[in-house]
Protein backbone atom coordinates (compact mmCIF):
# COMPACT_ATOMS: atom_id res chain seq x y z
CA MET A 1 5.05 8.73 2.57
CA ARG A 2 3.12 8.62 5.75
CA SER A 3 2.09 5.14 7.36
CA ASN A 4 1.62 2.07 5.11
CA VAL A 5 -2.25 2.63 5.55
CA ASP A 6 -1.82 6.00 3.92
CA SER A 7 0.57 4.72 1.18
CA ILE A 8 -1.74 1.96 0.16
CA LYS A 9 -4.53 4.68 -0.47
CA MET A 10 -1.99 6.50 -2.93
CA LEU A 11 -0.41 3.30 -4.58
CA PRO A 12 -2.48 1.12 -7.05
CA SER A 13 -2.49 -1.84 -4.75
CA GLY A 14 -0.19 -0.83 -2.06
CA ARG A 15 1.89 -3.75 -2.99
CA GLU A 16 5.07 -1.56 -3.02
CA LYS A 17 5.34 -1.35 0.88
CA MET A 18 2.30 -3.19 2.02
CA PRO A 19 2.76 -7.04 2.00
CA GLY A 20 -0.92 -7.45 3.13
CA GLY A 21 -2.15 -4.96 0.41
CA ALA A 22 -0.70 -7.24 -2.33
CA ASN A 23 -3.99 -8.62 -3.15
CA ASP A 24 -4.15 -7.64 -6.70
């Protein structure tokens, strides 16, 4: 994918690659 900012938008919570996105 693109940057993690773009990935978090495509992923459910972005917890797959975004450590800070694992808020769920």
